[in-house]
Amino acid sequence: MNKPDLFQPRWNASGLILCNLAALVLLGLWLWPSAHEAMTAFDQGFYTWVNQPLATNTTWRYLWTVGSLRPFDAVVGLILLFLLIRGDWVFRAVQVRQAFWGFIAVLLLLLVIRALFSKLCDRLGWQHDSISMVMPNAVHLSDWFPHLEKTWELKDRSSNSFPGDHASVLLIWAMYMTVAARRAGQVVLVWALAALFSLPRLVAGAHWGQDDYIGGVLMALLALGWGYYTPFVAHASGWLTRVTAPLFNLLQRLPLVNRLSVISA
């Protein structure tokens, strides 16, 4: 019995145009002086609200310190992966493997777009320091836990803050899951997780809010548009599925592992 194809190798002009137009509108708003000033004022107020309690509230400080560590990113990645490859949740069990490779392909496209856009930002002077390096009286987690900054890559500052690369990955995952979601509850959970897991960088001050809701969204929209709404994802996921088939055939022989939809499909 043939498995149904998840992606079709065709152009979706309306989806592609919408994604690119939305990205251009966001960039235009960010470059418009009045809007940029409003965004900056909002980000400063939000940062003060969530960052200052780090100095006085031990629970708050420990919570966001853990969330800002590099190993926590791996935990987040596993959670996102679990939801992606969980059969018959967003994707049908027989389509999970193709969905997995489709996301990997779109994610790789995001990395290319991110690298090119970063070079454009450097060239045009759009790059800026983290909010924690600009705001007076900022509470730096790295000052409280200097050993964690070295050993576990605690991140609370950067001289290349725009766009938010961490947020762009969360957002492309959320958008990818949303276009395939079948129930409103799935969409709510996906976006709640994306918002929650983006907060540590904002609380610690590694990014301005606009690095995420402008830069991160912009990057994700471009990757979704050129990846999902063109033949790219169909061809890339199909090729990756065929190339890795021998590996997955071997994994099907492993107890417990072979119960995963991404393996057994």
Protein backbone atom coordinates (compact mmCIF):
# COMPACT_ATOMS: atom_id res chain seq x y z
CA MET A 1 0.00 0.00 0.00
CA ASN A 2 1.52 3.32 -1.05
CA LYS A 3 2.03 5.95 1.60
CA PRO A 4 0.38 9.32 0.89
CA ASP A 5 2.74 12.14 0.02
CA LEU A 6 2.79 14.93 2.57
CA PHE A 7 4.28 17.54 0.23
CA GLN A 8 3.50 18.26 -3.39
CA PRO A 9 6.30 19.51 -5.71
CA ARG A 10 4.50 22.61 -6.87
CA TRP A 11 4.55 26.35 -6.34
CA ASN A 12 1.99 27.96 -4.03
CA ALA A 13 2.12 31.54 -5.26
CA SER A 14 -0.31 32.95 -2.68
CA GLY A 15 1.57 31.44 0.28
CA LEU A 16 4.95 32.49 -1.07
CA ILE A 17 3.84 36.06 -1.77
CA LEU A 18 2.11 36.38 1.60
CA CYS A 19 5.20 35.22 3.53
CA ASN A 20 7.55 37.52 1.64
CA LEU A 21 5.18 40.48 1.82
CA ALA A 22 4.71 40.02 5.57
CA ALA A 23 8.50 39.86 6.03
CA LEU A 24 8.97 43.08 4.03
CA VAL A 25 6.26 44.85 6.03
CA LEU A 26 7.93 43.85 9.31
CA LEU A 27 11.30 45.08 8.08
CA GLY A 28 9.75 48.33 6.86
CA LEU A 29 8.10 48.93 10.23
CA TRP A 30 11.35 48.28 12.02
CA LEU A 31 13.21 50.74 9.80
CA TRP A 32 10.51 53.43 10.15
CA PRO A 33 11.93 55.80 12.83
CA SER A 34 8.67 56.35 14.72
CA ALA A 35 7.82 52.65 14.84
CA HIS A 36 11.40 51.77 15.76
CA GLU A 37 11.32 54.22 18.68
CA ALA A 38 8.03 52.73 19.89
CA MET A 39 9.46 49.21 19.69
CA THR A 40 12.57 50.26 21.57
CA ALA A 41 10.53 51.92 24.32
CA PHE A 42 8.35 48.81 24.62
CA ASP A 43 11.38 46.51 24.77
CA GLN A 44 13.03 48.64 27.44
CA GLY A 45 9.90 48.63 29.59
CA PHE A 46 9.40 44.89 29.20
CA TYR A 47 13.07 44.18 29.93
CA THR A 48 13.02 46.27 33.11
CA TRP A 49 9.87 44.47 34.25
CA VAL A 50 11.25 40.95 33.81
CA ASN A 51 14.95 41.57 34.41
CA GLN A 52 15.06 43.60 37.61
CA PRO A 53 13.48 40.86 39.80
CA LEU A 54 16.54 38.71 39.02
CA ALA A 55 18.43 40.74 41.62
CA THR A 56 15.96 40.16 44.45
CA ASN A 57 13.98 37.00 43.72
CA THR A 58 16.07 33.85 44.05
CA THR A 59 13.50 31.56 42.44
CA TRP A 60 13.11 33.92 39.48
CA ARG A 61 16.89 34.11 39.09
CA TYR A 62 17.45 30.35 39.19
CA LEU A 63 14.54 29.69 36.82
CA TRP A 64 15.84 31.94 34.05
CA THR A 65 19.45 30.98 34.64
CA VAL A 66 18.60 27.37 33.86
CA GLY A 67 16.60 28.51 30.84
CA SER A 68 19.58 30.50 29.53
CA LEU A 69 22.04 27.60 29.62
CA ARG A 70 23.07 25.84 26.42
CA PRO A 71 22.06 22.34 27.70
CA PHE A 72 18.52 23.64 28.20
CA ASP A 73 18.42 24.40 24.47
CA ALA A 74 18.99 20.68 23.91
CA VAL A 75 16.04 19.87 26.19
CA VAL A 76 13.87 22.30 24.24
CA GLY A 77 15.00 20.69 21.00
CA LEU A 78 13.94 17.27 22.25
CA ILE A 79 10.51 18.58 23.23
CA LEU A 80 10.00 20.14 19.82
CA LEU A 81 11.23 16.99 18.11
CA PHE A 82 8.90 14.80 20.17
CA LEU A 83 5.87 16.82 19.13
CA LEU A 84 7.02 16.83 15.51
CA ILE A 85 7.46 13.06 15.23
CA ARG A 86 4.56 12.02 17.44
CA GLY A 87 2.41 9.99 15.10
CA ASP A 88 -1.20 10.99 14.54
CA TRP A 89 -0.87 14.23 16.49
CA VAL A 90 -0.18 16.95 13.91
CA PHE A 91 1.13 14.59 11.23
CA ARG A 92 -0.28 11.17 10.39
CA ALA A 93 1.93 8.32 11.56
CA VAL A 94 2.74 7.21 8.00
CA GLN A 95 3.83 10.77 7.14
CA VAL A 96 5.94 11.52 10.20
CA ARG A 97 9.28 10.58 8.63
CA GLN A 98 8.64 12.78 5.61
CA ALA A 99 7.49 15.58 7.94
CA PHE A 100 10.69 15.21 9.95
CA TRP A 101 12.94 15.49 6.91
CA GLY A 102 10.80 18.30 5.55
CA PHE A 103 11.41 20.29 8.71
CA ILE A 104 15.14 19.57 8.60
CA ALA A 105 15.22 20.86 5.01
CA VAL A 106 13.34 24.05 5.93
CA LEU A 107 15.59 24.50 8.96
CA LEU A 108 18.70 24.26 6.78
CA LEU A 109 17.19 26.85 4.46
CA LEU A 110 16.59 29.07 7.49
CA LEU A 111 20.29 28.85 8.40
CA VAL A 112 21.28 29.96 4.90
CA ILE A 113 18.82 32.86 4.98
CA ARG A 114 20.02 33.80 8.47
CA ALA A 115 23.66 33.90 7.33
CA LEU A 116 22.87 36.05 4.29
CA PHE A 117 20.63 38.42 6.26
CA SER A 118 23.27 38.82 8.97
CA LYS A 119 25.79 39.91 6.36
CA LEU A 120 23.24 42.42 5.05
CA CYS A 121 22.71 43.73 8.60
CA ASP A 122 26.45 44.18 9.06
CA ARG A 123 26.79 45.95 5.73
CA LEU A 124 23.88 48.35 6.33
CA GLY A 125 24.63 49.01 10.01
CA TRP A 126 21.48 47.36 11.32
CA GLN A 127 23.35 45.23 13.83
CA HIS A 128 23.27 46.21 17.51
CA ASP A 129 24.32 45.14 21.00
CA SER A 130 22.11 43.18 23.36
CA ILE A 131 19.74 45.17 25.54
CA SER A 132 21.70 44.01 28.61
CA MET A 133 24.73 45.89 27.24
CA VAL A 134 22.73 49.08 26.71
CA MET A 135 20.30 49.44 29.59
CA PRO A 136 21.63 50.93 32.84
CA ASN A 137 21.27 48.82 35.98
CA ALA A 138 20.75 45.65 33.93
CA VAL A 139 21.01 42.49 36.01
CA HIS A 140 23.52 40.15 34.37
CA LEU A 141 23.14 36.48 35.18
CA SER A 142 26.76 35.98 34.18
CA ASP A 143 27.77 38.25 37.09
CA TRP A 144 25.83 36.06 39.51
CA PHE A 145 27.08 32.80 38.00
CA PRO A 146 30.40 33.48 36.21
CA HIS A 147 31.34 29.80 36.25
CA LEU A 148 28.22 28.92 34.28
CA GLU A 149 29.08 31.40 31.56
CA LYS A 150 32.30 29.52 30.85
CA THR A 151 31.28 25.92 31.41
CA TRP A 152 27.63 25.85 30.28
CA GLU A 153 27.56 28.82 27.90
CA LEU A 154 25.20 30.98 29.93
CA LYS A 155 24.07 33.64 27.45
CA ASP A 156 22.95 37.09 28.55
CA ARG A 157 24.73 39.39 26.09
CA SER A 158 25.93 39.61 22.52
CA SER A 159 27.41 42.25 20.26
CA ASN A 160 25.41 40.76 17.35
CA SER A 161 21.90 40.63 18.76
CA PHE A 162 19.83 41.09 15.60
CA PRO A 163 18.09 38.98 14.40
CA GLY A 164 17.25 36.50 17.15
CA ASP A 165 18.59 33.20 15.84
CA HIS A 166 17.24 31.18 18.77
CA ALA A 167 13.78 32.66 18.29
CA SER A 168 13.87 32.12 14.53
CA VAL A 169 14.28 28.36 15.06
CA LEU A 170 11.38 28.27 17.52
CA LEU A 171 9.25 30.33 15.17
CA ILE A 172 9.93 28.27 12.05
CA TRP A 173 9.02 25.16 14.04
CA ALA A 174 5.80 26.82 15.21
CA MET A 175 4.90 27.99 11.69
CA TYR A 176 5.74 24.59 10.18
CA MET A 177 3.52 22.83 12.70
CA THR A 178 0.74 25.39 12.33
CA VAL A 179 0.31 24.98 8.57
CA ALA A 180 -0.24 21.24 9.13
CA ALA A 181 -2.25 21.48 12.36
CA ARG A 182 -5.77 20.03 12.32
CA ARG A 183 -7.12 21.40 15.62
CA ALA A 184 -7.06 24.78 17.35
CA GLY A 185 -5.64 23.19 20.52
CA GLN A 186 -2.56 22.08 18.61
CA VAL A 187 -1.94 25.60 17.35
CA VAL A 188 -2.37 27.08 20.84
CA LEU A 189 0.07 24.60 22.39
CA VAL A 190 2.66 25.06 19.62
CA TRP A 191 2.69 28.85 19.93
CA ALA A 192 2.59 28.77 23.73
CA LEU A 193 5.73 26.63 23.74
CA ALA A 194 7.46 28.86 21.17
CA ALA A 195 6.71 31.94 23.28
CA LEU A 196 7.74 30.29 26.55
CA PHE A 197 11.04 28.94 25.24
CA SER A 198 11.97 32.31 23.71
CA LEU A 199 11.62 34.11 27.06
CA PRO A 200 14.95 33.12 28.70
CA ARG A 201 17.00 35.15 26.17
CA LEU A 202 14.68 38.15 26.71
CA VAL A 203 14.73 37.99 30.50
CA ALA A 204 18.51 37.58 30.59
CA GLY A 205 18.91 40.40 28.07
CA ALA A 206 20.72 38.51 25.33
CA HIS A 207 18.17 39.92 22.88
CA TRP A 208 15.86 42.85 22.50
CA GLY A 209 12.22 41.91 21.95
CA GLN A 210 12.47 43.28 18.40
CA ASP A 211 15.27 40.81 17.68
CA ASP A 212 12.59 38.14 18.05
CA TYR A 213 9.26 39.63 16.98
CA ILE A 214 10.85 41.44 14.02
CA GLY A 215 14.11 39.64 13.16
CA GLY A 216 13.09 36.15 14.23
CA VAL A 217 9.65 36.31 12.64
CA LEU A 218 11.11 37.81 9.47
CA MET A 219 13.64 34.98 9.12
CA ALA A 220 11.03 32.32 9.80
CA LEU A 221 8.60 33.80 7.27
CA LEU A 222 11.23 33.81 4.53
CA ALA A 223 12.23 30.21 5.30
CA LEU A 224 8.60 29.08 5.39
CA GLY A 225 7.79 30.87 2.16
CA TRP A 226 10.74 29.64 0.12
CA GLY A 227 10.79 26.22 1.76
CA TYR A 228 7.18 25.18 2.28
CA TYR A 229 5.41 27.04 -0.51
CA THR A 230 7.79 26.03 -3.29
CA PRO A 231 8.82 22.58 -4.60
CA PHE A 232 11.87 22.74 -2.31
CA VAL A 233 10.44 20.88 0.69
CA ALA A 234 8.91 18.13 -1.46
CA HIS A 235 12.12 17.42 -3.34
CA ALA A 236 14.42 17.82 -0.32
CA SER A 237 12.33 15.67 2.03
CA GLY A 238 11.86 13.03 -0.67
CA TRP A 239 15.59 12.84 -1.33
CA LEU A 240 16.49 12.72 2.37
CA THR A 241 13.88 10.04 2.98
CA ARG A 242 15.29 7.85 0.20
CA VAL A 243 18.93 8.38 1.17
CA THR A 244 18.34 7.53 4.84
CA ALA A 245 16.02 4.57 4.21
CA PRO A 246 18.77 1.95 4.84
CA LEU A 247 19.55 3.54 8.20
CA PHE A 248 15.90 3.53 9.26
CA ASN A 249 15.60 -0.10 8.11
CA LEU A 250 18.37 -0.97 10.56
CA LEU A 251 16.75 1.05 13.35
CA GLN A 252 13.52 -0.91 12.86
CA ARG A 253 15.31 -3.94 14.28
CA LEU A 254 15.94 -2.23 17.63
CA PRO A 255 13.42 -2.96 20.40
CA LEU A 256 11.44 0.04 21.67
CA VAL A 257 13.05 2.33 19.08
CA ASN A 258 11.10 0.57 16.35
CA ARG A 259 7.86 1.62 18.04
CA LEU A 260 8.46 5.26 17.12
CA SER A 261 6.35 6.39 14.18
CA VAL A 262 9.36 8.04 12.52
CA ILE A 263 11.15 4.66 12.55
CA SER A 264 8.32 2.25 11.83
CA ALA A 265 6.52 4.25 9.18
